[in-house]
Amino acid sequence: MSPSARTPLLIVGGGLLIGLAVGLIVLFGLPPAKGAQGAVIGDPGTPQVIAPAPVVGAPAPDFHLQDTAGNYHTI
């Protein structure tokens, strides 16, 4: 096989390897950096309050939201 005939095979093979590497990074993510820590919410010494789970069929709490025009909408 001549060198000019192998060039397309090398390009396709290289593209497949790069695609495989990118796919694995997307699937499994990048490894965490050394010294990376998760976000700390609140003070570590204070107890965290956990909200109760919603009950099926119970009424939802009243709330209102503001849209981008500044108008409030109550649901």
C-alpha atoms as a PDB file:
ATOM      1  CA  MET A   1       0.000   0.000   0.000  1.00  0.00           C
ATOM      2  CA  SER A   2       1.473   3.314  -1.041  1.00  0.00           C
ATOM      3  CA  PRO A   3       1.826   6.208   1.424  1.00  0.00           C
ATOM      4  CA  SER A   4      -0.724   8.278  -0.474  1.00  0.00           C
ATOM      5  CA  ALA A   5      -3.294   5.455  -0.177  1.00  0.00           C
ATOM      6  CA  ARG A   6      -2.760   5.195   3.590  1.00  0.00           C
ATOM      7  CA  THR A   7      -3.340   8.891   4.241  1.00  0.00           C
ATOM      8  CA  PRO A   8      -7.175   8.702   4.179  1.00  0.00           C
ATOM      9  CA  LEU A   9      -7.079   5.657   6.469  1.00  0.00           C
ATOM     10  CA  LEU A  10      -4.864   7.507   8.940  1.00  0.00           C
ATOM     11  CA  ILE A  11      -7.174  10.522   8.891  1.00  0.00           C
ATOM     12  CA  VAL A  12     -10.257   8.346   9.480  1.00  0.00           C
ATOM     13  CA  GLY A  13      -8.478   6.348  12.202  1.00  0.00           C
ATOM     14  CA  GLY A  14      -7.290   9.513  13.932  1.00  0.00           C
ATOM     15  CA  GLY A  15     -10.772  11.001  13.746  1.00  0.00           C
ATOM     16  CA  LEU A  16     -12.260   7.864  15.280  1.00  0.00           C
ATOM     17  CA  LEU A  17      -9.752   7.945  18.144  1.00  0.00           C
ATOM     18  CA  ILE A  18     -10.412  11.627  18.818  1.00  0.00           C
ATOM     19  CA  GLY A  19     -14.169  11.006  18.678  1.00  0.00           C
ATOM     20  CA  LEU A  20     -13.827   8.106  21.105  1.00  0.00           C
ATOM     21  CA  ALA A  21     -11.801  10.240  23.522  1.00  0.00           C
ATOM     22  CA  VAL A  22     -14.315  13.103  23.390  1.00  0.00           C
ATOM     23  CA  GLY A  23     -17.193  10.649  23.863  1.00  0.00           C
ATOM     24  CA  LEU A  24     -15.552   9.128  26.937  1.00  0.00           C
ATOM     25  CA  ILE A  25     -14.941  12.576  28.418  1.00  0.00           C
ATOM     26  CA  VAL A  26     -18.583  13.518  27.851  1.00  0.00           C
ATOM     27  CA  LEU A  27     -19.822  10.211  29.260  1.00  0.00           C
ATOM     28  CA  PHE A  28     -17.608   9.990  32.333  1.00  0.00           C
ATOM     29  CA  GLY A  29     -16.516  13.605  32.796  1.00  0.00           C
ATOM     30  CA  LEU A  30     -13.091  14.914  33.542  1.00  0.00           C
ATOM     31  CA  PRO A  31     -11.363  13.762  36.722  1.00  0.00           C
ATOM     32  CA  PRO A  32     -11.502  16.329  39.537  1.00  0.00           C
ATOM     33  CA  ALA A  33      -8.481  18.553  39.987  1.00  0.00           C
ATOM     34  CA  LYS A  34      -6.254  17.937  42.984  1.00  0.00           C
ATOM     35  CA  GLY A  35      -7.427  19.921  45.974  1.00  0.00           C
ATOM     36  CA  ALA A  36     -10.879  20.526  44.515  1.00  0.00           C
ATOM     37  CA  GLN A  37     -13.619  20.594  47.121  1.00  0.00           C
ATOM     38  CA  GLY A  38     -17.381  20.641  46.924  1.00  0.00           C
ATOM     39  CA  ALA A  39     -19.362  23.751  47.726  1.00  0.00           C
ATOM     40  CA  VAL A  40     -20.129  24.324  51.401  1.00  0.00           C
ATOM     41  CA  ILE A  41     -23.621  25.651  52.042  1.00  0.00           C
ATOM     42  CA  GLY A  42     -24.114  27.363  55.383  1.00  0.00           C
ATOM     43  CA  ASP A  43     -21.906  26.990  58.417  1.00  0.00           C
ATOM     44  CA  PRO A  44     -20.527  23.481  58.887  1.00  0.00           C
ATOM     45  CA  GLY A  45     -21.233  23.581  62.633  1.00  0.00           C
ATOM     46  CA  THR A  46     -24.936  24.439  62.430  1.00  0.00           C
ATOM     47  CA  PRO A  47     -27.585  21.755  61.941  1.00  0.00           C
ATOM     48  CA  GLN A  48     -29.286  21.768  58.565  1.00  0.00           C
ATOM     49  CA  VAL A  49     -33.083  21.968  58.425  1.00  0.00           C
ATOM     50  CA  ILE A  50     -34.606  19.524  55.973  1.00  0.00           C
ATOM     51  CA  ALA A  51     -37.987  20.438  54.526  1.00  0.00           C
ATOM     52  CA  PRO A  52     -40.662  17.744  54.691  1.00  0.00           C
ATOM     53  CA  ALA A  53     -41.510  15.892  51.506  1.00  0.00           C
ATOM     54  CA  PRO A  54     -44.605  17.124  49.654  1.00  0.00           C
ATOM     55  CA  VAL A  55     -47.800  15.152  50.216  1.00  0.00           C
ATOM     56  CA  VAL A  56     -49.698  13.950  47.150  1.00  0.00           C
ATOM     57  CA  GLY A  57     -53.087  15.667  46.936  1.00  0.00           C
ATOM     58  CA  ALA A  58     -52.219  18.430  49.419  1.00  0.00           C
ATOM     59  CA  PRO A  59     -52.680  22.039  48.246  1.00  0.00           C
ATOM     60  CA  ALA A  60     -49.569  23.791  46.992  1.00  0.00           C
ATOM     61  CA  PRO A  61     -48.259  26.806  48.908  1.00  0.00           C
ATOM     62  CA  ASP A  62     -49.200  30.251  47.635  1.00  0.00           C
ATOM     63  CA  PHE A  63     -46.417  32.110  45.876  1.00  0.00           C
ATOM     64  CA  HIS A  64     -45.883  34.778  43.260  1.00  0.00           C
ATOM     65  CA  LEU A  65     -43.283  35.234  40.559  1.00  0.00           C
ATOM     66  CA  GLN A  66     -42.005  38.308  38.801  1.00  0.00           C
ATOM     67  CA  ASP A  67     -41.662  38.164  35.008  1.00  0.00           C
ATOM     68  CA  THR A  68     -39.066  39.984  32.929  1.00  0.00           C
ATOM     69  CA  ALA A  69     -41.386  42.998  32.525  1.00  0.00           C
ATOM     70  CA  GLY A  70     -41.635  43.425  36.307  1.00  0.00           C
ATOM     71  CA  ASN A  71     -45.230  42.179  36.628  1.00  0.00           C
ATOM     72  CA  TYR A  72     -46.089  39.786  39.446  1.00  0.00           C
ATOM     73  CA  HIS A  73     -48.058  36.621  38.758  1.00  0.00           C
ATOM     74  CA  THR A  74     -49.735  34.633  41.541  1.00  0.00           C
ATOM     75  CA  ILE A  75     -50.332  30.953  41.090  1.00  0.00           C
END
